[in-house]
């Protein structure tokens, strides 16, 4: 299944089609994988060998401005995730493209 936008339900459907597992079992697998990833990323830095590195970034509170109305507002502090793909993934992508 090749799509530009891919959500969790699409991954579950794809896994069900490729493996023949029941939908509920595929859903449990995908939910468990996402839960494991998120709990490990919360610890700060998470490296998946041959896939890439997930890094937790803590952004500070700052002033923002609506470019259309020029109204200033405060952007609250938050956490985001940065992903850096491994060399192996980048090599595979360059072969495909």
Foldseek 3Di string as FASTA:
>chain_A
DDDPDDDPLNQLVVCCVVPVDDSVVSSVVSVVVVVVVVVVVVVAWDADPQFWIKGKDWAQKDWDADVVPRDIDIDHIDIDIDIDTDPNVVVVVVVVD
